[in-house]
Every structure is written in C-alpha cells, then in structure tokens.
Amino acid sequence: NQRRKKWTTLEKDRFKAAVEKYGHDWRSVSEAVGTRTARQCFKYSAVLKSATERGASISLRDQVTMVELLSREPVNYTEDIDWKKIAANFPGADKDPNITPLNLKRRFRRLVHYRIPFSHQLNFNDIIEVLTENFVKPFKEGRLQQGNECKLEKGKKHEKEERNKGKVEKEEDDVHSNEEDKENEEEEGNTTEAGDGEEDSLMVKGEVFSDEDLGE
C-alpha cells in the first residue's frame, strides 16, 4: 500500500522533477516519485495549484519585497505592471516555486483589496505610497497589524464624515428654524386672538361702552 501521510521534502522534490519531465502523465509521475499513486500525485498537483492561485504561501516578508520592487516601476496604472520582470528580479525566486508572475499579481491584488478601501479611485503611485506607509514601514518596524486602515483613506473618510456632519447640522438647523417660524406664527396668531378678545370684552351684544361708563 502506498503511504497516505504528509508529503516529505524528498517526495515533493521528486514530484516537481517528474512533472517537469512528464507533465500531467500521472502514472509516469507516480513511478518517478516511487511512494505515491497516480491518484495521489494528481490530488497533490491540485493542492499546489489552488495554493498558487490564492497566493497564500507568499510570506509577509515577500509581500514587502514585492511592494518595494513595484515602487521602482515607471508605470502609472496597475495594468501596465510587467509581472514577469518583477518575478525575474525577485530575490530567491529560483528557490521558491510560489514566486511566479501570476502568483505575485494575485497576491498584489489581494493586498490592495484588503488594505486600501476604494483603491479604484487611486492611481498606481498613490497605491504604492499608501502600501509603503501602512504596510512596508510597519513590517520593518515590527508593528504590522492586520486590517489597518490606510492613512490616505482615513483622510478621505474623515473628510466625508465632516461633510456629512455639516450636512446633518444644516438639516437640523433648517428643521429648528422651521419649528421656530411655526412657533412664532402660532404666537402671533394667539396674540391676535387675544387682542380680539380684549376688544370683544369692551362690547356686549354690540353695545359700545362710553368713556363715562368706563369711569373715565
């Protein structure tokens, strides 16, 4: 029976060499590995592919290196990044199979997505500036915290909150002003009614009192 335990370093090396030689001929790959069935080799390749697509195996340190390499790129838009060039210039890329153009590209997108809300409003240089300030520097200083909101976005958020606050205050002032106007109108109406009442008190069934009757 072929073993079902975790793949050893030797098995992984044999697997990679066999795939380079035989491609997806899993029977031949299995024979080259020697300790795994064709089905196990196929499943292991699927696991590696899934991990590569997610970019999950790229460490924080490598992500920092990626941002630093990107900061030297003379481009204005993320669509213009030459990921093959980035991967080729990546330190230790020849020893790490996860450092591929596609993997780096996907990891960069995830990094931007989680660390820069509304990144679609920024150009490439702004994105790199924010990542340098809120990702690279904190990592090098040993104070990197997941989920930090970027400074640039904090400023935008604060500005938006201030605008909304001013708008709400203005609406509250308008409502308060309308209430005051309404109260003033009601008071004026009450005053008029009161004045009419005073005049009515001087008249009884249409009779008008003279000054003499009023004691004057």
Protein backbone atom coordinates (compact mmCIF):
# COMPACT_ATOMS: atom_id res chain seq x y z
CA ASN A 1 0.00 0.00 0.00
CA GLN A 2 1.18 3.48 -0.88
CA ARG A 3 1.59 5.81 2.07
CA ARG A 4 -1.06 8.45 2.80
CA LYS A 5 0.88 10.61 5.22
CA LYS A 6 2.06 14.15 4.66
CA TRP A 7 4.32 14.61 1.66
CA THR A 8 8.00 14.66 2.59
CA THR A 9 10.56 17.09 1.17
CA LEU A 10 12.08 14.25 -0.87
CA GLU A 11 8.69 13.32 -2.33
CA LYS A 12 7.98 16.93 -3.23
CA ASP A 13 11.32 17.27 -5.00
CA ARG A 14 10.74 14.06 -6.92
CA PHE A 15 7.22 15.18 -7.78
CA LYS A 16 8.39 18.55 -9.17
CA ALA A 17 11.12 16.93 -11.22
CA ALA A 18 8.70 14.32 -12.55
CA VAL A 19 6.08 16.92 -13.51
CA GLU A 20 8.72 18.92 -15.39
CA LYS A 21 9.67 15.75 -17.27
CA TYR A 22 6.31 14.00 -17.78
CA GLY A 23 3.78 16.81 -17.42
CA HIS A 24 0.34 15.51 -16.44
CA ASP A 25 1.15 11.87 -17.12
CA TRP A 26 0.33 10.92 -13.54
CA ARG A 27 1.21 7.24 -13.96
CA SER A 28 4.75 8.17 -15.00
CA VAL A 29 4.92 10.84 -12.26
CA SER A 30 3.84 8.23 -9.73
CA GLU A 31 6.53 5.80 -10.85
CA ALA A 32 9.14 8.59 -10.60
CA VAL A 33 8.04 9.56 -7.08
CA GLY A 34 8.02 5.90 -6.08
CA THR A 35 5.93 6.26 -2.91
CA ARG A 36 2.72 7.78 -4.28
CA THR A 37 -0.07 6.53 -6.53
CA ALA A 38 -1.09 8.29 -9.72
CA ARG A 39 -4.28 9.43 -7.96
CA GLN A 40 -2.30 10.89 -5.04
CA CYS A 41 0.00 12.74 -7.43
CA PHE A 42 -2.99 14.18 -9.25
CA LYS A 43 -4.56 15.38 -5.97
CA TYR A 44 -1.27 16.87 -4.80
CA SER A 45 -0.95 18.83 -8.04
CA ALA A 46 -4.47 20.22 -7.46
CA VAL A 47 -3.47 21.31 -3.96
CA LEU A 48 -0.38 23.09 -5.26
CA LYS A 49 -2.38 24.79 -8.00
CA SER A 50 -5.02 26.01 -5.53
CA ALA A 51 -2.37 27.39 -3.16
CA THR A 52 -0.58 29.12 -6.02
CA GLU A 53 -3.77 30.73 -7.32
CA ARG A 54 -4.60 32.06 -3.87
CA GLY A 55 -1.07 33.27 -3.31
CA ALA A 56 -1.45 32.00 0.23
CA SER A 57 2.13 30.76 0.51
CA ILE A 58 3.75 34.15 -0.09
CA SER A 59 5.05 35.38 3.25
CA LEU A 60 4.63 38.91 4.59
CA ARG A 61 8.34 39.49 4.03
CA ASP A 62 8.00 38.51 0.38
CA GLN A 63 4.97 40.76 0.04
CA VAL A 64 7.03 43.64 1.39
CA THR A 65 9.75 42.83 -1.15
CA MET A 66 7.10 42.80 -3.87
CA VAL A 67 5.88 46.28 -2.93
CA GLU A 68 9.45 47.59 -2.87
CA LEU A 69 10.12 46.18 -6.34
CA LEU A 70 6.87 47.69 -7.64
CA SER A 71 7.81 51.10 -6.23
CA ARG A 72 10.65 51.23 -8.75
CA GLU A 73 8.43 50.51 -11.73
CA PRO A 74 7.89 53.52 -14.06
CA VAL A 75 4.18 52.90 -14.59
CA ASN A 76 1.03 54.86 -13.82
CA TYR A 77 -1.52 52.04 -13.85
CA THR A 78 -1.53 48.57 -12.32
CA GLU A 79 -2.47 47.14 -15.70
CA ASP A 80 0.94 48.19 -17.03
CA ILE A 81 2.98 46.21 -14.46
CA ASP A 82 5.38 43.73 -16.03
CA TRP A 83 4.89 40.83 -13.62
CA LYS A 84 7.38 38.64 -15.47
CA LYS A 85 10.03 41.27 -14.81
CA ILE A 86 9.02 41.51 -11.13
CA ALA A 87 9.21 37.74 -10.72
CA ALA A 88 12.56 37.56 -12.53
CA ASN A 89 14.07 40.24 -10.25
CA PHE A 90 12.58 38.74 -7.09
CA PRO A 91 15.31 37.66 -4.63
CA GLY A 92 15.31 33.89 -4.19
CA ALA A 93 12.70 33.31 -6.88
CA ASP A 94 14.73 30.43 -8.31
CA LYS A 95 14.38 28.59 -4.98
CA ASP A 96 10.72 29.37 -4.32
CA PRO A 97 8.22 27.90 -6.81
CA ASN A 98 5.50 30.15 -5.45
CA ILE A 99 7.20 33.30 -6.78
CA THR A 100 5.60 33.35 -10.20
CA PRO A 101 4.21 36.27 -12.24
CA LEU A 102 0.62 35.09 -11.81
CA ASN A 103 1.03 34.39 -8.10
CA LEU A 104 2.58 37.81 -7.44
CA LYS A 105 -0.12 39.53 -9.44
CA ARG A 106 -2.90 37.85 -7.50
CA ARG A 107 -1.22 38.46 -4.16
CA PHE A 108 -0.80 42.15 -5.00
CA ARG A 109 -4.49 42.44 -5.87
CA ARG A 110 -5.48 40.79 -2.59
CA LEU A 111 -3.10 43.02 -0.65
CA VAL A 112 -4.54 46.16 -2.23
CA HIS A 113 -8.12 44.92 -1.81
CA TYR A 114 -7.76 44.27 1.93
CA ARG A 115 -5.55 47.23 2.82
CA ILE A 116 -6.83 50.04 0.63
CA PRO A 117 -10.61 50.52 0.52
CA PHE A 118 -11.78 52.30 -2.65
CA SER A 119 -8.38 51.68 -4.27
CA HIS A 120 -10.06 52.02 -7.66
CA GLN A 121 -10.06 55.77 -7.04
CA LEU A 122 -6.26 55.87 -6.80
CA ASN A 123 -3.54 55.65 -9.42
CA PHE A 124 -0.62 53.21 -9.17
CA ASN A 125 1.77 55.66 -7.49
CA ASP A 126 -0.79 56.53 -4.80
CA ILE A 127 -1.40 52.83 -4.12
CA ILE A 128 2.33 52.15 -3.71
CA GLU A 129 2.70 55.22 -1.49
CA VAL A 130 -0.09 54.03 0.80
CA LEU A 131 1.23 50.47 0.95
CA THR A 132 4.73 51.75 1.74
CA GLU A 133 3.43 53.89 4.58
CA ASN A 134 0.95 51.45 6.05
CA PHE A 135 2.40 48.06 5.19
CA VAL A 136 6.13 48.14 4.43
CA LYS A 137 7.20 50.55 7.19
CA PRO A 138 5.13 48.91 9.96
CA PHE A 139 6.51 45.50 8.96
CA LYS A 140 10.10 46.68 9.14
CA GLU A 141 9.43 48.36 12.47
CA GLY A 142 7.85 45.21 13.87
CA ARG A 143 4.42 46.77 14.40
CA LEU A 144 2.48 45.46 11.46
CA GLN A 145 -1.18 44.92 12.30
CA GLN A 146 -3.68 43.28 10.01
CA GLY A 147 -6.62 45.39 8.95
CA ASN A 148 -5.00 48.80 9.45
CA GLU A 149 -6.90 51.40 7.52
CA CYS A 150 -4.68 53.34 5.18
CA LYS A 151 -3.84 56.91 6.09
CA LEU A 152 -4.96 58.30 2.77
CA GLU A 153 -8.32 56.62 3.09
CA LYS A 154 -8.59 57.76 6.70
CA GLY A 155 -8.23 61.31 5.48
CA LYS A 156 -10.86 60.79 2.84
CA LYS A 157 -13.15 59.08 5.32
CA HIS A 158 -12.67 61.88 7.84
CA GLU A 159 -13.36 64.49 5.17
CA LYS A 160 -16.51 62.64 4.11
CA GLU A 161 -17.66 62.34 7.72
CA GLU A 162 -17.12 66.06 8.23
CA ARG A 163 -19.14 66.85 5.11
CA ASN A 164 -21.92 64.53 6.23
CA LYS A 165 -21.77 66.04 9.71
CA GLY A 166 -22.08 69.54 8.27
CA LYS A 167 -24.96 68.43 6.09
CA VAL A 168 -26.77 66.90 9.05
CA GLU A 169 -26.18 70.01 11.16
CA LYS A 170 -27.54 72.20 8.36
CA GLU A 171 -30.62 70.00 8.05
CA GLU A 172 -31.09 70.16 11.83
CA ASP A 173 -30.74 73.96 11.71
CA ASP A 174 -33.30 74.14 8.91
CA VAL A 175 -35.70 71.97 10.88
CA HIS A 176 -35.13 74.03 14.02
CA SER A 177 -35.60 77.25 12.05
CA ASN A 178 -38.85 75.96 10.56
CA GLU A 179 -40.06 74.98 14.01
CA GLU A 180 -39.22 78.46 15.33
CA ASP A 181 -41.05 80.09 12.42
CA LYS A 182 -44.02 77.88 13.09
CA GLU A 183 -43.96 78.72 16.81
CA ASN A 184 -43.71 82.44 16.01
CA GLU A 185 -46.65 82.19 13.66
CA GLU A 186 -48.66 80.40 16.33
CA GLU A 187 -47.69 83.03 18.92
CA GLU A 188 -48.67 85.83 16.56
CA GLY A 189 -51.98 84.09 15.94
CA ASN A 190 -52.56 83.71 19.67
CA THR A 191 -51.69 87.38 20.23
CA THR A 192 -54.15 88.43 17.55
CA GLU A 193 -56.81 86.26 19.05
CA ALA A 194 -56.03 87.67 22.47
CA GLY A 195 -56.28 91.22 21.15
CA ASP A 196 -59.57 90.44 19.52
CA GLY A 197 -60.73 89.04 22.83
CA GLU A 198 -59.84 92.27 24.62
CA GLU A 199 -61.82 94.28 22.11
CA ASP A 200 -64.73 91.90 22.47
CA SER A 201 -64.62 92.42 26.24
CA LEU A 202 -65.45 96.05 25.63
CA MET A 203 -68.52 95.11 23.66
CA VAL A 204 -71.57 93.30 24.94
CA LYS A 205 -74.10 92.24 22.35
CA GLY A 206 -72.99 95.01 20.02
CA GLU A 207 -73.14 97.75 22.70
CA VAL A 208 -70.21 100.16 22.90
CA PHE A 209 -69.29 101.50 26.31
CA SER A 210 -68.68 105.22 26.58
CA ASP A 211 -65.76 106.77 28.40
CA GLU A 212 -68.17 107.70 31.19
CA ASP A 213 -69.34 104.12 31.54
CA LEU A 214 -65.72 103.04 31.78
CA GLY A 215 -65.20 105.51 34.62
CA GLU A 216 -63.04 107.88 32.70
